[in-house]
Amino acid sequence: MYKTALVAGVFFAALAVVLGAFGAHGLKPLLTPDQLQTFETGVKYEFYHALALLATGIIYSSFPQKLVKTASTCFIVGILLFSGSLYAMTALKLQGDVGLGGLGILTPIGGLFFIIGWLLLLLGIVRKK
């Protein structure tokens, strides 16, 4: 098992639950439906990739490839950039800031890290001899 991926997966899963509850109960009356959907997208993808981190940590025992470890790093970076940028954009809009100051570019970059992570995980599994 790969403990770093497991610890990160548990942390991000717990954080996603906390943020999801915060969005549903604390932010719902403050945000427009579109803004709330943006926030919920961040929570959803954080949770998906927290589960991916847990799976990666377990998969590593059977496929101890560096590619599998690198995939977990991509999932972590993806969560921070993709979900983190959606949370930040929601917070800025909540404060009345319309301009995002280039923050929006982080979302697709985070998505790219998710895709790369999945591809690296696939390669790590396929390349085992």
C-alpha atoms as a PDB file:
ATOM      1  CA  MET A   1       0.000   0.000   0.000  1.00  0.00           C
ATOM      2  CA  TYR A   2       1.024   3.562  -0.599  1.00  0.00           C
ATOM      3  CA  LYS A   3       0.393   5.390   2.661  1.00  0.00           C
ATOM      4  CA  THR A   4       0.729   8.923   1.271  1.00  0.00           C
ATOM      5  CA  ALA A   5      -2.118   8.329  -1.190  1.00  0.00           C
ATOM      6  CA  LEU A   6      -4.246   6.701   1.508  1.00  0.00           C
ATOM      7  CA  VAL A   7      -3.741   9.562   3.970  1.00  0.00           C
ATOM      8  CA  ALA A   8      -4.408  12.178   1.292  1.00  0.00           C
ATOM      9  CA  GLY A   9      -7.505  10.280   0.138  1.00  0.00           C
ATOM     10  CA  VAL A  10      -8.975  10.110   3.633  1.00  0.00           C
ATOM     11  CA  PHE A  11      -8.177  13.789   4.259  1.00  0.00           C
ATOM     12  CA  PHE A  12      -9.725  15.009   0.998  1.00  0.00           C
ATOM     13  CA  ALA A  13     -12.791  12.770   1.427  1.00  0.00           C
ATOM     14  CA  ALA A  14     -13.428  14.182   4.905  1.00  0.00           C
ATOM     15  CA  LEU A  15     -12.871  17.717   3.626  1.00  0.00           C
ATOM     16  CA  ALA A  16     -15.312  17.112   0.757  1.00  0.00           C
ATOM     17  CA  VAL A  17     -17.992  16.006   3.222  1.00  0.00           C
ATOM     18  CA  VAL A  18     -17.414  19.097   5.367  1.00  0.00           C
ATOM     19  CA  LEU A  19     -17.454  21.436   2.364  1.00  0.00           C
ATOM     20  CA  GLY A  20     -20.486  19.706   0.876  1.00  0.00           C
ATOM     21  CA  ALA A  21     -22.429  20.172   4.109  1.00  0.00           C
ATOM     22  CA  PHE A  22     -21.233  23.780   4.341  1.00  0.00           C
ATOM     23  CA  GLY A  23     -22.401  24.426   0.785  1.00  0.00           C
ATOM     24  CA  ALA A  24     -25.784  22.780   1.294  1.00  0.00           C
ATOM     25  CA  HIS A  25     -26.534  24.481   4.599  1.00  0.00           C
ATOM     26  CA  GLY A  26     -24.364  27.579   4.941  1.00  0.00           C
ATOM     27  CA  LEU A  27     -23.926  28.807   1.393  1.00  0.00           C
ATOM     28  CA  LYS A  28     -27.258  27.855  -0.170  1.00  0.00           C
ATOM     29  CA  PRO A  29     -29.077  30.974   1.038  1.00  0.00           C
ATOM     30  CA  LEU A  30     -26.171  33.222  -0.006  1.00  0.00           C
ATOM     31  CA  LEU A  31     -25.418  32.016  -3.522  1.00  0.00           C
ATOM     32  CA  THR A  32     -27.273  31.978  -6.805  1.00  0.00           C
ATOM     33  CA  PRO A  33     -28.139  28.504  -8.112  1.00  0.00           C
ATOM     34  CA  ASP A  34     -25.305  28.779 -10.679  1.00  0.00           C
ATOM     35  CA  GLN A  35     -22.775  29.746  -8.012  1.00  0.00           C
ATOM     36  CA  LEU A  36     -23.929  26.916  -5.762  1.00  0.00           C
ATOM     37  CA  GLN A  37     -23.612  24.486  -8.670  1.00  0.00           C
ATOM     38  CA  THR A  38     -20.032  25.674  -9.250  1.00  0.00           C
ATOM     39  CA  PHE A  39     -19.208  25.042  -5.593  1.00  0.00           C
ATOM     40  CA  GLU A  40     -20.893  21.629  -5.692  1.00  0.00           C
ATOM     41  CA  THR A  41     -18.885  20.697  -8.795  1.00  0.00           C
ATOM     42  CA  GLY A  42     -15.708  21.356  -6.811  1.00  0.00           C
ATOM     43  CA  VAL A  43     -16.963  19.162  -3.967  1.00  0.00           C
ATOM     44  CA  LYS A  44     -18.023  16.387  -6.349  1.00  0.00           C
ATOM     45  CA  TYR A  45     -14.677  16.218  -8.154  1.00  0.00           C
ATOM     46  CA  GLU A  46     -12.768  16.449  -4.874  1.00  0.00           C
ATOM     47  CA  PHE A  47     -14.701  13.483  -3.552  1.00  0.00           C
ATOM     48  CA  TYR A  48     -14.284  11.452  -6.754  1.00  0.00           C
ATOM     49  CA  HIS A  49     -10.544  11.976  -6.662  1.00  0.00           C
ATOM     50  CA  ALA A  50     -10.301  11.356  -2.923  1.00  0.00           C
ATOM     51  CA  LEU A  51     -11.710   7.929  -3.734  1.00  0.00           C
ATOM     52  CA  ALA A  52      -9.223   7.656  -6.598  1.00  0.00           C
ATOM     53  CA  LEU A  53      -6.417   8.376  -4.122  1.00  0.00           C
ATOM     54  CA  LEU A  54      -7.682   5.633  -1.816  1.00  0.00           C
ATOM     55  CA  ALA A  55      -7.849   3.219  -4.736  1.00  0.00           C
ATOM     56  CA  THR A  56      -4.370   4.244  -5.884  1.00  0.00           C
ATOM     57  CA  GLY A  57      -2.981   3.659  -2.412  1.00  0.00           C
ATOM     58  CA  ILE A  58      -4.438   0.150  -2.405  1.00  0.00           C
ATOM     59  CA  ILE A  59      -3.575  -0.613  -6.043  1.00  0.00           C
ATOM     60  CA  TYR A  60       0.069   0.210  -5.338  1.00  0.00           C
ATOM     61  CA  SER A  61       0.430  -3.022  -3.307  1.00  0.00           C
ATOM     62  CA  SER A  62      -0.247  -5.090  -6.419  1.00  0.00           C
ATOM     63  CA  PHE A  63       1.304  -2.693  -8.933  1.00  0.00           C
ATOM     64  CA  PRO A  64       4.288  -1.047  -7.192  1.00  0.00           C
ATOM     65  CA  GLN A  65       5.145   1.204 -10.125  1.00  0.00           C
ATOM     66  CA  LYS A  66       6.447   4.755  -9.899  1.00  0.00           C
ATOM     67  CA  LEU A  67       3.692   5.663 -12.371  1.00  0.00           C
ATOM     68  CA  VAL A  68       1.085   4.709  -9.762  1.00  0.00           C
ATOM     69  CA  LYS A  69       2.706   7.014  -7.196  1.00  0.00           C
ATOM     70  CA  THR A  70       2.911   9.803  -9.754  1.00  0.00           C
ATOM     71  CA  ALA A  71      -0.780   9.300 -10.550  1.00  0.00           C
ATOM     72  CA  SER A  72      -1.612   9.944  -6.900  1.00  0.00           C
ATOM     73  CA  THR A  73       0.437  13.151  -6.995  1.00  0.00           C
ATOM     74  CA  CYS A  74      -1.521  14.245 -10.086  1.00  0.00           C
ATOM     75  CA  PHE A  75      -4.798  13.572  -8.268  1.00  0.00           C
ATOM     76  CA  ILE A  76      -3.663  15.719  -5.319  1.00  0.00           C
ATOM     77  CA  VAL A  77      -2.543  18.579  -7.572  1.00  0.00           C
ATOM     78  CA  GLY A  78      -5.776  18.232  -9.545  1.00  0.00           C
ATOM     79  CA  ILE A  79      -7.881  18.534  -6.394  1.00  0.00           C
ATOM     80  CA  LEU A  80      -5.973  21.596  -5.249  1.00  0.00           C
ATOM     81  CA  LEU A  81      -6.172  23.343  -8.621  1.00  0.00           C
ATOM     82  CA  PHE A  82      -9.577  22.212  -9.928  1.00  0.00           C
ATOM     83  CA  SER A  83     -11.665  22.119  -6.766  1.00  0.00           C
ATOM     84  CA  GLY A  84      -9.625  24.793  -5.015  1.00  0.00           C
ATOM     85  CA  SER A  85     -10.126  27.261  -7.867  1.00  0.00           C
ATOM     86  CA  LEU A  86     -13.890  26.599  -7.909  1.00  0.00           C
ATOM     87  CA  TYR A  87     -14.048  27.204  -4.149  1.00  0.00           C
ATOM     88  CA  ALA A  88     -12.010  30.395  -4.521  1.00  0.00           C
ATOM     89  CA  MET A  89     -14.166  31.657  -7.400  1.00  0.00           C
ATOM     90  CA  THR A  90     -17.293  31.017  -5.332  1.00  0.00           C
ATOM     91  CA  ALA A  91     -15.796  32.893  -2.375  1.00  0.00           C
ATOM     92  CA  LEU A  92     -14.832  35.841  -4.584  1.00  0.00           C
ATOM     93  CA  LYS A  93     -18.314  36.022  -6.095  1.00  0.00           C
ATOM     94  CA  LEU A  94     -19.808  35.807  -2.612  1.00  0.00           C
ATOM     95  CA  GLN A  95     -17.789  38.889  -1.670  1.00  0.00           C
ATOM     96  CA  GLY A  96     -19.010  40.693  -4.776  1.00  0.00           C
ATOM     97  CA  ASP A  97     -15.777  40.449  -6.761  1.00  0.00           C
ATOM     98  CA  VAL A  98     -16.661  39.973 -10.406  1.00  0.00           C
ATOM     99  CA  GLY A  99     -13.143  39.795 -11.846  1.00  0.00           C
ATOM    100  CA  LEU A 100     -11.388  36.536 -11.152  1.00  0.00           C
ATOM    101  CA  GLY A 101      -7.890  37.833 -11.843  1.00  0.00           C
ATOM    102  CA  GLY A 102      -6.852  34.826 -13.921  1.00  0.00           C
ATOM    103  CA  LEU A 103      -8.047  32.360 -11.295  1.00  0.00           C
ATOM    104  CA  GLY A 104     -10.338  30.664 -13.812  1.00  0.00           C
ATOM    105  CA  ILE A 105      -7.381  29.211 -15.747  1.00  0.00           C
ATOM    106  CA  LEU A 106      -6.525  26.973 -12.782  1.00  0.00           C
ATOM    107  CA  THR A 107      -9.716  24.947 -13.169  1.00  0.00           C
ATOM    108  CA  PRO A 108      -8.905  23.380 -16.566  1.00  0.00           C
ATOM    109  CA  ILE A 109      -5.265  22.918 -15.542  1.00  0.00           C
ATOM    110  CA  GLY A 110      -6.508  20.959 -12.518  1.00  0.00           C
ATOM    111  CA  GLY A 111      -8.753  18.951 -14.826  1.00  0.00           C
ATOM    112  CA  LEU A 112      -5.729  18.168 -16.976  1.00  0.00           C
ATOM    113  CA  PHE A 113      -3.933  16.842 -13.882  1.00  0.00           C
ATOM    114  CA  PHE A 114      -6.932  14.578 -13.206  1.00  0.00           C
ATOM    115  CA  ILE A 115      -6.761  13.188 -16.741  1.00  0.00           C
ATOM    116  CA  ILE A 116      -2.982  12.698 -16.565  1.00  0.00           C
ATOM    117  CA  GLY A 117      -3.391  10.956 -13.200  1.00  0.00           C
ATOM    118  CA  TRP A 118      -5.882   8.478 -14.645  1.00  0.00           C
ATOM    119  CA  LEU A 119      -3.656   7.802 -17.651  1.00  0.00           C
ATOM    120  CA  LEU A 120      -0.591   7.285 -15.438  1.00  0.00           C
ATOM    121  CA  LEU A 121      -2.563   4.902 -13.244  1.00  0.00           C
ATOM    122  CA  LEU A 122      -3.564   2.961 -16.343  1.00  0.00           C
ATOM    123  CA  LEU A 123       0.054   2.819 -17.550  1.00  0.00           C
ATOM    124  CA  GLY A 124       1.275   1.773 -14.109  1.00  0.00           C
ATOM    125  CA  ILE A 125      -1.123  -1.142 -14.113  1.00  0.00           C
ATOM    126  CA  VAL A 126      -0.554  -2.174 -17.730  1.00  0.00           C
ATOM    127  CA  ARG A 127       3.247  -2.017 -17.517  1.00  0.00           C
ATOM    128  CA  LYS A 128       3.569  -4.431 -14.616  1.00  0.00           C
ATOM    129  CA  LYS A 129       5.592  -7.442 -15.709  1.00  0.00           C
END
